């Protein structure tokens, strides 16, 4: 998305720069830079504003729809570690100032607000087997942190997929198919059959997240 397209969408949404900045979770100055063409508009931001406009148009086209009230809508802005920020996240995930400096993705109150949330951008094709379960490269996944004291009990791996922040291997999006609680070993599985299962020790894991939901561009399967 270029700066002219972004500005046109903002005007169609009838939003001031400060309004759309608040919706996206960035400062007004960032929007000003984008609209002047001085900085590249992040792909996740382009995705968000395009879908915001589409939702508005859908509501306008639906004559039978009930009015939507936004005054009581609760928004939670979740930090995003995109593909370019993930190396920095691996070394600075415990740095509150660094986390606050990351771009954010807004989510409404259809998710439970308790706990620590983080968004990651999917890299690679290891979790793409062509099925509806796939995580495609570029997908944005909303994740909830699993406290380390819970790692001592059997993980609920039959219910969730996971993001594993490994101290050496980096940020991994995987399915856990076994948890050896006694020895602290988990077996990671990729949906793509070209990738072999692997075992890792939880002592080598810095953070562990459940995947709660996925956001995907409309023009992708």
N, C-alpha and C. Protein backbone atom coordinates (compact mmCIF):
# COMPACT_ATOMS: atom_id res chain seq x y z
N UNK A 1 0.84 -1.19 0.00
CA UNK A 1 0.00 0.00 0.00
C UNK A 1 0.88 1.25 0.00
N UNK A 2 0.59 2.21 -0.91
CA UNK A 2 1.36 3.45 -0.91
C UNK A 2 0.66 4.52 -0.08
N UNK A 3 1.32 5.66 0.09
CA UNK A 3 0.80 6.69 0.99
C UNK A 3 -0.51 7.30 0.50
N UNK A 4 -0.69 7.37 -0.83
CA UNK A 4 -1.94 7.93 -1.37
C UNK A 4 -3.13 7.01 -1.08
N UNK A 5 -2.90 5.71 -1.23
CA UNK A 5 -3.97 4.74 -0.95
C UNK A 5 -4.35 4.77 0.53
N UNK A 6 -3.34 4.86 1.40
CA UNK A 6 -3.62 4.93 2.83
C UNK A 6 -4.44 6.17 3.16
N UNK A 7 -4.04 7.30 2.63
CA UNK A 7 -4.74 8.56 2.91
C UNK A 7 -6.17 8.52 2.40
N UNK A 8 -6.37 7.91 1.23
CA UNK A 8 -7.71 7.80 0.65
C UNK A 8 -8.61 6.93 1.53
N UNK A 9 -8.06 5.83 2.05
CA UNK A 9 -8.84 4.96 2.93
C UNK A 9 -9.20 5.69 4.22
N UNK A 10 -8.26 6.43 4.78
CA UNK A 10 -8.55 7.18 6.00
C UNK A 10 -9.69 8.16 5.79
N UNK A 11 -9.68 8.84 4.64
CA UNK A 11 -10.75 9.82 4.35
C UNK A 11 -12.08 9.12 4.15
N UNK A 12 -12.07 7.97 3.49
CA UNK A 12 -13.31 7.20 3.30
C UNK A 12 -13.87 6.73 4.63
N UNK A 13 -12.97 6.45 5.59
CA UNK A 13 -13.40 6.05 6.93
C UNK A 13 -13.87 7.24 7.76
N UNK A 14 -13.66 8.46 7.21
CA UNK A 14 -14.03 9.69 7.92
C UNK A 14 -13.33 9.79 9.27
N UNK A 15 -12.03 9.49 9.24
CA UNK A 15 -11.23 9.51 10.46
C UNK A 15 -10.11 10.53 10.33
N UNK A 16 -9.82 11.23 11.41
CA UNK A 16 -8.67 12.12 11.46
C UNK A 16 -7.41 11.28 11.65
N UNK A 17 -6.26 11.90 11.43
CA UNK A 17 -5.01 11.17 11.60
C UNK A 17 -4.88 10.61 13.01
N UNK A 18 -5.27 11.40 14.00
CA UNK A 18 -5.17 10.95 15.39
C UNK A 18 -6.11 9.77 15.66
N UNK A 19 -7.28 9.77 15.00
CA UNK A 19 -8.26 8.70 15.21
C UNK A 19 -7.75 7.36 14.65
N UNK A 20 -7.25 7.43 13.42
CA UNK A 20 -6.79 6.17 12.82
C UNK A 20 -5.51 5.68 13.49
N UNK A 21 -4.69 6.62 13.97
CA UNK A 21 -3.48 6.23 14.71
C UNK A 21 -3.85 5.46 15.97
N UNK A 22 -4.88 5.95 16.68
CA UNK A 22 -5.33 5.28 17.90
C UNK A 22 -5.88 3.90 17.59
N UNK A 23 -6.61 3.77 16.48
CA UNK A 23 -7.19 2.47 16.10
C UNK A 23 -6.10 1.45 15.78
N UNK A 24 -5.02 1.94 15.12
CA UNK A 24 -3.94 1.05 14.72
C UNK A 24 -3.04 0.71 15.90
N UNK A 25 -2.93 1.69 16.83
CA UNK A 25 -2.05 1.50 17.98
C UNK A 25 -0.68 2.11 17.79
N UNK A 26 -0.64 3.21 17.02
CA UNK A 26 0.63 3.92 16.81
C UNK A 26 0.43 5.39 17.16
N UNK A 27 1.50 6.15 17.13
CA UNK A 27 1.41 7.58 17.37
C UNK A 27 0.94 8.32 16.12
N UNK A 28 0.38 9.51 16.32
CA UNK A 28 -0.10 10.32 15.19
C UNK A 28 1.03 10.64 14.23
N UNK A 29 2.23 10.83 14.76
CA UNK A 29 3.38 11.17 13.91
C UNK A 29 3.67 10.07 12.90
N UNK A 30 3.46 8.81 13.30
CA UNK A 30 3.69 7.69 12.37
C UNK A 30 2.76 7.82 11.17
N UNK A 31 1.49 8.16 11.43
CA UNK A 31 0.52 8.34 10.34
C UNK A 31 0.95 9.50 9.45
N UNK A 32 1.43 10.57 10.05
CA UNK A 32 1.90 11.72 9.27
C UNK A 32 3.06 11.34 8.36
N UNK A 33 3.98 10.56 8.87
CA UNK A 33 5.10 10.08 8.06
C UNK A 33 4.61 9.25 6.88
N UNK A 34 3.65 8.34 7.17
CA UNK A 34 3.11 7.48 6.12
C UNK A 34 2.45 8.29 5.01
N UNK A 35 1.64 9.27 5.41
CA UNK A 35 0.88 10.03 4.42
C UNK A 35 1.74 11.01 3.63
N UNK A 36 2.92 11.28 4.12
CA UNK A 36 3.87 12.10 3.37
C UNK A 36 4.77 11.23 2.48
N UNK A 37 4.65 9.92 2.66
CA UNK A 37 5.48 9.01 1.89
C UNK A 37 6.90 8.92 2.41
N UNK A 38 7.12 9.37 3.64
CA UNK A 38 8.47 9.38 4.21
C UNK A 38 8.86 8.05 4.84
N UNK A 39 7.87 7.24 5.18
CA UNK A 39 8.15 5.92 5.74
C UNK A 39 7.22 4.89 5.12
N UNK A 40 7.72 3.67 5.02
CA UNK A 40 6.93 2.59 4.44
C UNK A 40 5.81 2.18 5.37
N UNK A 41 4.64 1.97 4.81
CA UNK A 41 3.47 1.53 5.59
C UNK A 41 3.60 0.03 5.84
N UNK A 42 3.61 -0.41 7.11
CA UNK A 42 3.75 -1.85 7.39
C UNK A 42 2.62 -2.67 6.76
N UNK A 43 2.96 -3.87 6.37
CA UNK A 43 1.98 -4.74 5.72
C UNK A 43 0.80 -5.02 6.65
N UNK A 44 1.08 -5.17 7.94
CA UNK A 44 0.00 -5.43 8.89
C UNK A 44 -0.94 -4.24 9.02
N UNK A 45 -0.40 -3.02 8.91
CA UNK A 45 -1.23 -1.82 8.97
C UNK A 45 -2.11 -1.73 7.73
N UNK A 46 -1.53 -2.00 6.57
CA UNK A 46 -2.31 -1.99 5.33
C UNK A 46 -3.45 -3.00 5.40
N UNK A 47 -3.13 -4.17 5.93
CA UNK A 47 -4.15 -5.22 6.10
C UNK A 47 -5.28 -4.73 7.00
N UNK A 48 -4.93 -4.10 8.11
CA UNK A 48 -5.93 -3.67 9.08
C UNK A 48 -6.85 -2.60 8.52
N UNK A 49 -6.29 -1.54 7.90
CA UNK A 49 -7.14 -0.44 7.42
C UNK A 49 -7.98 -0.87 6.23
N UNK A 50 -7.45 -1.77 5.39
CA UNK A 50 -8.23 -2.27 4.26
C UNK A 50 -9.44 -3.05 4.75
N UNK A 51 -9.23 -3.88 5.77
CA UNK A 51 -10.34 -4.65 6.33
C UNK A 51 -11.32 -3.76 7.08
N UNK A 52 -10.82 -2.69 7.69
CA UNK A 52 -11.69 -1.74 8.38
C UNK A 52 -12.63 -1.08 7.39
N UNK A 53 -12.10 -0.70 6.23
CA UNK A 53 -12.93 -0.08 5.18
C UNK A 53 -13.93 -1.09 4.63
N UNK A 54 -13.48 -2.34 4.43
CA UNK A 54 -14.37 -3.36 3.91
C UNK A 54 -15.53 -3.62 4.87
N UNK A 55 -15.24 -3.66 6.16
CA UNK A 55 -16.29 -3.86 7.15
C UNK A 55 -17.29 -2.71 7.13
N UNK A 56 -16.78 -1.49 6.99
CA UNK A 56 -17.67 -0.34 6.93
C UNK A 56 -18.57 -0.41 5.70
N UNK A 57 -18.01 -0.78 4.56
CA UNK A 57 -18.80 -0.88 3.33
C UNK A 57 -19.84 -1.99 3.42
N UNK A 58 -19.46 -3.10 4.05
CA UNK A 58 -20.41 -4.20 4.22
C UNK A 58 -21.60 -3.78 5.07
N UNK A 59 -21.33 -3.00 6.12
CA UNK A 59 -22.41 -2.53 6.98
C UNK A 59 -23.33 -1.56 6.25
N UNK A 60 -22.73 -0.71 5.40
CA UNK A 60 -23.53 0.25 4.64
C UNK A 60 -24.40 -0.45 3.59
N UNK A 61 -23.88 -1.56 3.05
CA UNK A 61 -24.60 -2.29 2.00
C UNK A 61 -25.69 -3.20 2.55
N UNK A 62 -25.64 -3.47 3.84
CA UNK A 62 -26.61 -4.37 4.46
C UNK A 62 -27.76 -3.56 5.06
N UNK A 63 -28.85 -3.43 4.30
CA UNK A 63 -29.97 -2.60 4.75
C UNK A 63 -30.67 -3.17 5.96
N UNK A 64 -30.51 -4.46 6.20
CA UNK A 64 -31.22 -5.09 7.31
C UNK A 64 -30.40 -5.10 8.59
N UNK A 65 -29.18 -4.62 8.50
CA UNK A 65 -28.29 -4.70 9.66
C UNK A 65 -28.72 -3.72 10.74
N UNK A 66 -28.54 -4.13 11.98
CA UNK A 66 -28.83 -3.25 13.11
C UNK A 66 -27.69 -2.26 13.27
N UNK A 67 -27.99 -1.06 13.80
CA UNK A 67 -26.92 -0.09 14.01
C UNK A 67 -25.85 -0.65 14.94
N UNK A 68 -24.61 -0.33 14.65
CA UNK A 68 -23.50 -0.79 15.45
C UNK A 68 -23.03 0.34 16.35
N UNK A 69 -22.95 0.07 17.64
CA UNK A 69 -22.52 1.07 18.60
C UNK A 69 -21.09 0.77 19.01
N UNK A 70 -20.21 1.76 18.81
CA UNK A 70 -18.80 1.58 19.11
C UNK A 70 -18.39 2.16 20.45
N UNK A 71 -19.27 2.91 21.10
CA UNK A 71 -18.87 3.64 22.30
C UNK A 71 -18.40 2.73 23.43
N UNK A 72 -18.95 1.53 23.52
CA UNK A 72 -18.59 0.62 24.60
C UNK A 72 -17.62 -0.47 24.16
N UNK A 73 -17.11 -0.33 22.93
CA UNK A 73 -16.21 -1.35 22.41
C UNK A 73 -14.86 -1.26 23.11
N UNK A 74 -14.41 -2.40 23.64
CA UNK A 74 -13.13 -2.45 24.31
C UNK A 74 -12.07 -2.96 23.33
N UNK A 75 -10.99 -2.23 23.25
CA UNK A 75 -9.90 -2.59 22.35
C UNK A 75 -8.66 -2.93 23.16
N UNK A 76 -8.02 -4.03 22.82
CA UNK A 76 -6.74 -4.38 23.41
C UNK A 76 -5.69 -4.34 22.30
N UNK A 77 -4.71 -3.47 22.42
CA UNK A 77 -3.63 -3.37 21.44
C UNK A 77 -2.50 -4.31 21.83
N UNK A 78 -2.28 -5.32 20.99
CA UNK A 78 -1.33 -6.38 21.30
C UNK A 78 -0.03 -6.15 20.53
N UNK A 79 1.13 -6.19 21.21
CA UNK A 79 2.41 -6.01 20.52
C UNK A 79 2.62 -7.06 19.43
N UNK A 80 3.24 -6.63 18.33
CA UNK A 80 3.50 -7.52 17.20
C UNK A 80 4.99 -7.66 16.95
N UNK A 81 5.48 -8.88 16.93
CA UNK A 81 6.84 -9.17 16.48
C UNK A 81 6.72 -9.69 15.05
N UNK A 82 6.88 -8.78 14.08
CA UNK A 82 6.80 -9.22 12.69
C UNK A 82 8.09 -9.92 12.30
N UNK A 83 8.20 -10.33 11.04
CA UNK A 83 9.36 -11.12 10.62
C UNK A 83 10.67 -10.38 10.86
N UNK A 84 10.65 -9.05 10.71
CA UNK A 84 11.87 -8.27 10.83
C UNK A 84 12.23 -8.01 12.30
N UNK A 85 11.24 -8.07 13.19
CA UNK A 85 11.48 -7.75 14.59
C UNK A 85 11.77 -8.98 15.44
N UNK A 86 11.64 -10.16 14.86
CA UNK A 86 11.71 -11.37 15.67
C UNK A 86 13.10 -11.64 16.23
N UNK A 87 14.14 -11.25 15.50
CA UNK A 87 15.49 -11.42 16.03
C UNK A 87 15.69 -10.54 17.27
N UNK A 88 15.16 -9.33 17.21
CA UNK A 88 15.26 -8.44 18.36
C UNK A 88 14.42 -8.93 19.52
N UNK A 89 13.26 -9.49 19.23
CA UNK A 89 12.39 -10.01 20.29
C UNK A 89 13.07 -11.14 21.03
N UNK A 90 13.79 -11.98 20.30
CA UNK A 90 14.44 -13.15 20.91
C UNK A 90 15.42 -12.73 22.00
N UNK A 91 16.09 -11.60 21.82
CA UNK A 91 17.08 -11.16 22.80
C UNK A 91 16.53 -10.16 23.81
N UNK A 92 15.34 -9.59 23.52
CA UNK A 92 14.85 -8.50 24.37
C UNK A 92 13.41 -8.69 24.84
N UNK A 93 12.91 -9.93 24.83
CA UNK A 93 11.52 -10.18 25.19
C UNK A 93 11.20 -9.79 26.63
N UNK A 94 12.21 -9.71 27.50
CA UNK A 94 11.98 -9.33 28.89
C UNK A 94 12.12 -7.83 29.12
N UNK A 95 12.44 -7.09 28.06
CA UNK A 95 12.65 -5.64 28.15
C UNK A 95 11.32 -4.93 27.89
N UNK A 96 10.70 -4.38 28.94
CA UNK A 96 9.39 -3.76 28.80
C UNK A 96 9.41 -2.58 27.82
N UNK A 97 10.49 -1.81 27.85
CA UNK A 97 10.58 -0.67 26.94
C UNK A 97 10.62 -1.13 25.48
N UNK A 98 11.32 -2.23 25.23
CA UNK A 98 11.37 -2.76 23.87
C UNK A 98 9.99 -3.24 23.43
N UNK A 99 9.29 -3.97 24.28
CA UNK A 99 7.96 -4.46 23.95
C UNK A 99 7.02 -3.30 23.66
N UNK A 100 7.12 -2.23 24.45
CA UNK A 100 6.26 -1.06 24.24
C UNK A 100 6.59 -0.34 22.94
N UNK A 101 7.81 -0.52 22.43
CA UNK A 101 8.20 0.15 21.19
C UNK A 101 7.72 -0.58 19.94
N UNK A 102 7.25 -1.82 20.09
CA UNK A 102 6.79 -2.61 18.95
C UNK A 102 5.46 -2.08 18.44
N UNK A 103 5.18 -2.25 17.14
CA UNK A 103 3.84 -1.92 16.63
C UNK A 103 2.80 -2.82 17.30
N UNK A 104 1.56 -2.40 17.28
CA UNK A 104 0.52 -3.19 17.92
C UNK A 104 -0.60 -3.52 16.94
N UNK A 105 -1.33 -4.57 17.24
CA UNK A 105 -2.50 -4.99 16.47
C UNK A 105 -3.72 -4.88 17.39
N UNK A 106 -4.77 -4.16 16.98
CA UNK A 106 -5.94 -4.03 17.86
C UNK A 106 -6.85 -5.26 17.78
N UNK A 107 -7.30 -5.71 18.94
CA UNK A 107 -8.27 -6.79 19.03
C UNK A 107 -9.42 -6.32 19.91
N UNK A 108 -10.63 -6.70 19.55
CA UNK A 108 -11.80 -6.31 20.33
C UNK A 108 -11.97 -7.28 21.50
N UNK A 109 -12.99 -7.01 22.33
CA UNK A 109 -13.16 -7.76 23.57
C UNK A 109 -13.79 -9.13 23.38
N UNK A 110 -13.68 -9.70 22.16
CA UNK A 110 -14.14 -11.08 21.98
C UNK A 110 -13.08 -12.07 22.43
N UNK A 111 -11.95 -11.55 22.93
CA UNK A 111 -10.95 -12.43 23.53
C UNK A 111 -10.84 -12.11 25.01
N UNK A 112 -10.41 -13.07 25.77
CA UNK A 112 -10.24 -12.90 27.20
C UNK A 112 -9.01 -12.05 27.47
N UNK A 113 -9.17 -10.98 28.26
CA UNK A 113 -8.08 -10.02 28.43
C UNK A 113 -7.07 -10.45 29.49
N UNK A 114 -7.38 -11.42 30.29
CA UNK A 114 -6.42 -11.83 31.32
C UNK A 114 -5.22 -12.52 30.70
N UNK A 115 -4.05 -12.23 31.25
CA UNK A 115 -2.84 -12.87 30.76
C UNK A 115 -2.02 -11.94 29.88
N UNK A 116 -0.89 -12.45 29.42
CA UNK A 116 0.04 -11.71 28.57
C UNK A 116 -0.14 -12.17 27.13
N UNK A 117 -0.43 -11.21 26.25
CA UNK A 117 -0.67 -11.53 24.85
C UNK A 117 0.45 -10.98 23.97
N UNK A 118 0.68 -11.65 22.86
CA UNK A 118 1.69 -11.25 21.90
C UNK A 118 1.26 -11.72 20.52
N UNK A 119 1.56 -10.92 19.49
CA UNK A 119 1.31 -11.34 18.11
C UNK A 119 2.63 -11.62 17.42
N UNK A 120 2.61 -12.62 16.56
CA UNK A 120 3.78 -12.96 15.76
C UNK A 120 3.36 -13.08 14.30
N UNK A 121 4.28 -12.76 13.40
CA UNK A 121 4.06 -12.98 11.97
C UNK A 121 4.71 -14.29 11.58
N UNK A 122 3.96 -15.14 10.90
CA UNK A 122 4.45 -16.47 10.53
C UNK A 122 5.52 -16.36 9.44
N UNK A 123 6.61 -17.11 9.62
CA UNK A 123 7.68 -17.19 8.63
C UNK A 123 7.75 -18.61 8.09
N UNK A 124 7.97 -18.74 6.79
CA UNK A 124 8.20 -20.05 6.20
C UNK A 124 6.94 -20.86 5.98
N UNK A 125 7.13 -22.11 5.54
CA UNK A 125 6.01 -22.96 5.15
C UNK A 125 5.93 -24.25 5.96
N UNK A 126 6.62 -24.31 7.10
CA UNK A 126 6.66 -25.57 7.85
C UNK A 126 5.30 -25.97 8.40
N UNK A 127 4.39 -24.98 8.55
CA UNK A 127 3.06 -25.29 9.08
C UNK A 127 1.98 -25.14 8.01
N UNK A 128 2.38 -25.33 6.76
CA UNK A 128 1.44 -25.25 5.64
C UNK A 128 1.38 -26.59 4.93
N UNK A 129 0.26 -27.29 5.10
CA UNK A 129 0.05 -28.56 4.39
C UNK A 129 -1.13 -28.47 3.42
N UNK A 130 -1.56 -27.23 3.16
CA UNK A 130 -2.66 -27.03 2.22
C UNK A 130 -4.04 -27.18 2.81
N UNK A 131 -4.13 -27.49 4.10
CA UNK A 131 -5.42 -27.68 4.74
C UNK A 131 -5.86 -26.41 5.46
N UNK A 132 -7.09 -26.44 5.99
CA UNK A 132 -7.62 -25.30 6.72
C UNK A 132 -6.85 -25.05 8.02
N UNK A 133 -6.11 -26.04 8.48
CA UNK A 133 -5.34 -25.91 9.71
C UNK A 133 -4.03 -25.14 9.52
N UNK A 134 -3.66 -24.88 8.28
CA UNK A 134 -2.36 -24.32 7.97
C UNK A 134 -2.18 -22.91 8.54
N UNK A 135 -0.92 -22.60 8.81
CA UNK A 135 -0.49 -21.24 9.10
C UNK A 135 0.41 -20.82 7.95
N UNK A 136 -0.03 -19.81 7.19
CA UNK A 136 0.70 -19.40 6.00
C UNK A 136 1.70 -18.30 6.32
N UNK A 137 2.75 -18.23 5.53
CA UNK A 137 3.73 -17.16 5.72
C UNK A 137 3.03 -15.81 5.60
N UNK A 138 3.27 -14.94 6.57
CA UNK A 138 2.63 -13.63 6.59
C UNK A 138 1.40 -13.57 7.46
N UNK A 139 0.85 -14.73 7.86
CA UNK A 139 -0.28 -14.72 8.79
C UNK A 139 0.13 -14.05 10.09
N UNK A 140 -0.81 -13.35 10.72
CA UNK A 140 -0.59 -12.77 12.03
C UNK A 140 -1.31 -13.64 13.05
N UNK A 141 -0.57 -14.17 14.01
CA UNK A 141 -1.18 -15.06 15.00
C UNK A 141 -1.18 -14.39 16.37
N UNK A 142 -2.35 -14.41 17.00
CA UNK A 142 -2.51 -13.89 18.35
C UNK A 142 -2.22 -15.00 19.34
N UNK A 143 -1.34 -14.74 20.30
CA UNK A 143 -0.88 -15.78 21.22
C UNK A 143 -0.99 -15.32 22.67
N UNK A 144 -1.21 -16.29 23.55
CA UNK A 144 -1.26 -16.02 25.00
C UNK A 144 -0.13 -16.78 25.69
N UNK A 145 0.62 -16.07 26.52
CA UNK A 145 1.77 -16.65 27.21
C UNK A 145 1.34 -17.73 28.21
N UNK A 146 2.12 -18.81 28.25
CA UNK A 146 1.92 -19.87 29.24
C UNK A 146 3.00 -19.69 30.30
N UNK A 147 2.59 -19.43 31.52
CA UNK A 147 3.55 -19.23 32.60
C UNK A 147 4.42 -20.47 32.80
N UNK A 148 5.68 -20.24 33.19
CA UNK A 148 6.62 -21.36 33.29
C UNK A 148 6.24 -22.38 34.35
N UNK A 149 5.53 -21.96 35.39
CA UNK A 149 5.14 -22.95 36.40
C UNK A 149 4.13 -23.95 35.85
N UNK A 150 3.43 -23.58 34.77
CA UNK A 150 2.51 -24.51 34.13
C UNK A 150 3.24 -25.54 33.27
N UNK A 151 4.49 -25.26 32.92
CA UNK A 151 5.24 -26.20 32.09
C UNK A 151 5.55 -27.49 32.84
N UNK A 152 5.44 -27.43 34.17
CA UNK A 152 5.76 -28.60 34.98
C UNK A 152 4.64 -29.65 34.94
N UNK A 153 3.47 -29.24 34.44
CA UNK A 153 2.35 -30.17 34.28
C UNK A 153 2.16 -30.46 32.80
N UNK A 154 1.36 -31.45 32.51
CA UNK A 154 1.13 -31.84 31.12
C UNK A 154 0.50 -30.69 30.35
N UNK A 155 1.13 -30.28 29.26
CA UNK A 155 0.58 -29.21 28.44
C UNK A 155 -0.66 -29.70 27.70
N UNK A 156 -1.62 -28.80 27.49
CA UNK A 156 -2.85 -29.15 26.77
C UNK A 156 -2.61 -29.06 25.26
N UNK A 157 -1.73 -29.93 24.77
CA UNK A 157 -1.33 -29.82 23.37
C UNK A 157 -2.38 -30.37 22.41
N UNK A 158 -3.40 -31.05 22.93
CA UNK A 158 -4.47 -31.53 22.06
C UNK A 158 -5.47 -30.43 21.74
N UNK A 159 -5.36 -29.30 22.40
CA UNK A 159 -6.33 -28.21 22.23
C UNK A 159 -5.75 -27.04 21.46
N UNK A 160 -4.42 -26.81 21.57
CA UNK A 160 -3.80 -25.62 21.01
C UNK A 160 -2.62 -25.98 20.11
N UNK A 161 -2.30 -25.06 19.20
CA UNK A 161 -0.98 -25.04 18.59
C UNK A 161 -0.15 -24.00 19.35
N UNK A 162 1.15 -23.96 19.08
CA UNK A 162 2.04 -23.20 19.95
C UNK A 162 3.05 -22.36 19.19
N UNK A 163 3.47 -21.28 19.86
CA UNK A 163 4.68 -20.56 19.46
C UNK A 163 5.71 -20.81 20.55
N UNK A 164 6.87 -21.31 20.14
CA UNK A 164 7.94 -21.62 21.07
C UNK A 164 9.08 -20.65 20.82
N UNK A 165 9.45 -19.90 21.83
CA UNK A 165 10.60 -18.99 21.71
C UNK A 165 11.81 -19.75 22.24
N UNK A 166 12.57 -20.33 21.30
CA UNK A 166 13.71 -21.17 21.65
C UNK A 166 14.97 -20.32 21.71
N UNK A 167 15.81 -20.57 22.69
CA UNK A 167 16.99 -19.74 22.93
C UNK A 167 17.99 -19.81 21.78
N UNK A 168 17.99 -20.91 21.02
CA UNK A 168 18.94 -21.04 19.91
C UNK A 168 18.25 -21.10 18.55
N UNK A 169 17.12 -21.78 18.48
CA UNK A 169 16.44 -21.99 17.20
C UNK A 169 15.52 -20.82 16.82
N UNK A 170 15.30 -19.90 17.74
CA UNK A 170 14.47 -18.74 17.44
C UNK A 170 12.99 -18.99 17.71
N UNK A 171 12.15 -18.28 16.97
CA UNK A 171 10.70 -18.34 17.18
C UNK A 171 10.12 -19.41 16.26
N UNK A 172 9.51 -20.43 16.87
CA UNK A 172 8.98 -21.57 16.13
C UNK A 172 7.46 -21.64 16.28
N UNK A 173 6.78 -21.82 15.17
CA UNK A 173 5.33 -22.08 15.18
C UNK A 173 5.17 -23.57 14.92
N UNK A 174 4.66 -24.31 15.92
CA UNK A 174 4.61 -25.77 15.81
C UNK A 174 3.39 -26.33 16.52
N UNK A 175 3.18 -27.59 16.27
CA UNK A 175 2.20 -28.38 17.02
C UNK A 175 3.00 -29.29 17.97
N UNK A 176 2.59 -29.36 19.21
CA UNK A 176 3.23 -30.26 20.17
C UNK A 176 2.47 -31.58 20.18
N UNK A 177 3.18 -32.67 19.96
CA UNK A 177 2.51 -33.97 19.90
C UNK A 177 2.86 -34.87 21.09
N UNK A 178 3.81 -34.43 21.90
CA UNK A 178 4.13 -35.19 23.11
C UNK A 178 4.85 -34.29 24.10
N UNK A 179 4.55 -34.50 25.39
CA UNK A 179 5.21 -33.77 26.45
C UNK A 179 5.65 -34.77 27.51
N UNK A 180 6.96 -34.99 27.57
CA UNK A 180 7.56 -35.86 28.58
C UNK A 180 7.79 -34.98 29.81
N UNK A 181 6.82 -35.00 30.73
CA UNK A 181 6.86 -34.10 31.88
C UNK A 181 8.06 -34.41 32.77
N UNK A 182 8.34 -35.67 32.98
CA UNK A 182 9.42 -36.06 33.89
C UNK A 182 10.77 -35.54 33.44
N UNK A 183 11.02 -35.60 32.13
CA UNK A 183 12.32 -35.18 31.60
C UNK A 183 12.30 -33.78 30.99
N UNK A 184 11.12 -33.16 30.98
CA UNK A 184 11.01 -31.80 30.45
C UNK A 184 11.26 -31.68 28.97
N UNK A 185 10.82 -32.69 28.21
CA UNK A 185 11.06 -32.70 26.76
C UNK A 185 9.72 -32.64 26.02
N UNK A 186 9.64 -31.78 25.01
CA UNK A 186 8.44 -31.73 24.17
C UNK A 186 8.83 -32.10 22.74
N UNK A 187 7.90 -32.76 22.05
CA UNK A 187 8.11 -33.14 20.66
C UNK A 187 7.32 -32.20 19.77
N UNK A 188 8.00 -31.55 18.84
CA UNK A 188 7.39 -30.56 17.95
C UNK A 188 7.12 -31.18 16.59
N UNK A 189 5.94 -30.86 16.05
CA UNK A 189 5.51 -31.42 14.77
C UNK A 189 5.14 -30.29 13.81
N UNK A 190 5.58 -30.42 12.57
CA UNK A 190 5.21 -29.49 11.50
C UNK A 190 4.10 -30.10 10.67
N UNK A 191 3.15 -29.28 10.23
CA UNK A 191 2.07 -29.79 9.38
C UNK A 191 2.61 -30.18 8.01
N UNK A 192 3.61 -29.47 7.53
CA UNK A 192 4.23 -29.77 6.25
C UNK A 192 5.08 -31.05 6.41
N UNK A 193 4.75 -32.05 5.61
CA UNK A 193 5.39 -33.37 5.77
C UNK A 193 6.88 -33.37 5.42
N UNK A 194 7.35 -32.32 4.80
CA UNK A 194 8.77 -32.25 4.44
C UNK A 194 9.65 -31.90 5.64
N UNK A 195 9.04 -31.53 6.74
CA UNK A 195 9.80 -31.18 7.94
C UNK A 195 9.64 -32.30 8.97
N UNK A 196 10.74 -32.75 9.52
CA UNK A 196 10.71 -33.85 10.48
C UNK A 196 10.36 -33.35 11.88
N UNK A 197 9.78 -34.23 12.67
CA UNK A 197 9.52 -33.91 14.08
C UNK A 197 10.85 -33.71 14.80
N UNK A 198 10.81 -32.90 15.85
CA UNK A 198 12.03 -32.72 16.63
C UNK A 198 11.69 -32.60 18.11
N UNK A 199 12.63 -33.05 18.92
CA UNK A 199 12.49 -32.96 20.37
C UNK A 199 13.34 -31.81 20.89
N UNK A 200 12.77 -31.02 21.83
CA UNK A 200 13.54 -29.97 22.46
C UNK A 200 13.30 -30.03 23.97
N UNK A 201 14.28 -29.56 24.73
CA UNK A 201 14.15 -29.54 26.18
C UNK A 201 13.60 -28.19 26.60
N UNK A 202 12.69 -28.20 27.56
CA UNK A 202 12.07 -26.96 27.99
C UNK A 202 13.06 -26.00 28.65
N UNK A 203 14.18 -26.51 29.12
CA UNK A 203 15.19 -25.61 29.70
C UNK A 203 15.81 -24.71 28.63
N UNK A 204 15.65 -25.09 27.35
CA UNK A 204 16.16 -24.29 26.25
C UNK A 204 15.10 -23.36 25.67
N UNK A 205 13.93 -23.32 26.31
CA UNK A 205 12.81 -22.48 25.84
C UNK A 205 12.70 -21.26 26.74
N UNK A 206 12.64 -20.09 26.12
CA UNK A 206 12.52 -18.84 26.88
C UNK A 206 11.06 -18.48 27.15
N UNK A 207 10.20 -18.69 26.16
CA UNK A 207 8.77 -18.36 26.30
C UNK A 207 7.97 -19.40 25.53
N UNK A 208 6.75 -19.61 26.00
CA UNK A 208 5.86 -20.58 25.36
C UNK A 208 4.46 -19.96 25.29
N UNK A 209 3.86 -19.99 24.09
CA UNK A 209 2.57 -19.36 23.87
C UNK A 209 1.56 -20.33 23.26
N UNK A 210 0.29 -20.23 23.68
CA UNK A 210 -0.82 -20.84 22.94
C UNK A 210 -1.18 -19.94 21.77
N UNK A 211 -1.51 -20.51 20.63
CA UNK A 211 -2.05 -19.72 19.51
C UNK A 211 -3.56 -19.62 19.68
N UNK A 212 -4.06 -18.39 19.80
CA UNK A 212 -5.48 -18.15 20.06
C UNK A 212 -6.28 -17.96 18.78
N UNK A 213 -5.73 -17.16 17.85
CA UNK A 213 -6.44 -16.90 16.60
C UNK A 213 -5.46 -16.45 15.53
N UNK A 214 -5.93 -16.43 14.28
CA UNK A 214 -5.10 -16.07 13.13
C UNK A 214 -5.80 -15.02 12.29
N UNK A 215 -5.02 -14.05 11.83
CA UNK A 215 -5.52 -13.07 10.87
C UNK A 215 -4.80 -13.29 9.54
N UNK A 216 -5.60 -13.27 8.48
CA UNK A 216 -5.04 -13.57 7.16
C UNK A 216 -5.63 -12.60 6.14
N UNK A 217 -4.85 -12.25 5.15
CA UNK A 217 -5.33 -11.38 4.09
C UNK A 217 -6.48 -12.05 3.35
N UNK A 218 -7.41 -11.22 2.87
CA UNK A 218 -8.58 -11.75 2.17
C UNK A 218 -8.24 -12.43 0.86
N UNK A 219 -7.12 -12.03 0.24
CA UNK A 219 -6.79 -12.59 -1.07
C UNK A 219 -5.96 -13.86 -0.98
N UNK A 220 -5.90 -14.43 0.22
CA UNK A 220 -5.15 -15.67 0.39
C UNK A 220 -6.11 -16.74 0.88
N UNK A 221 -5.78 -18.00 0.59
CA UNK A 221 -6.68 -19.09 1.01
C UNK A 221 -6.71 -19.22 2.53
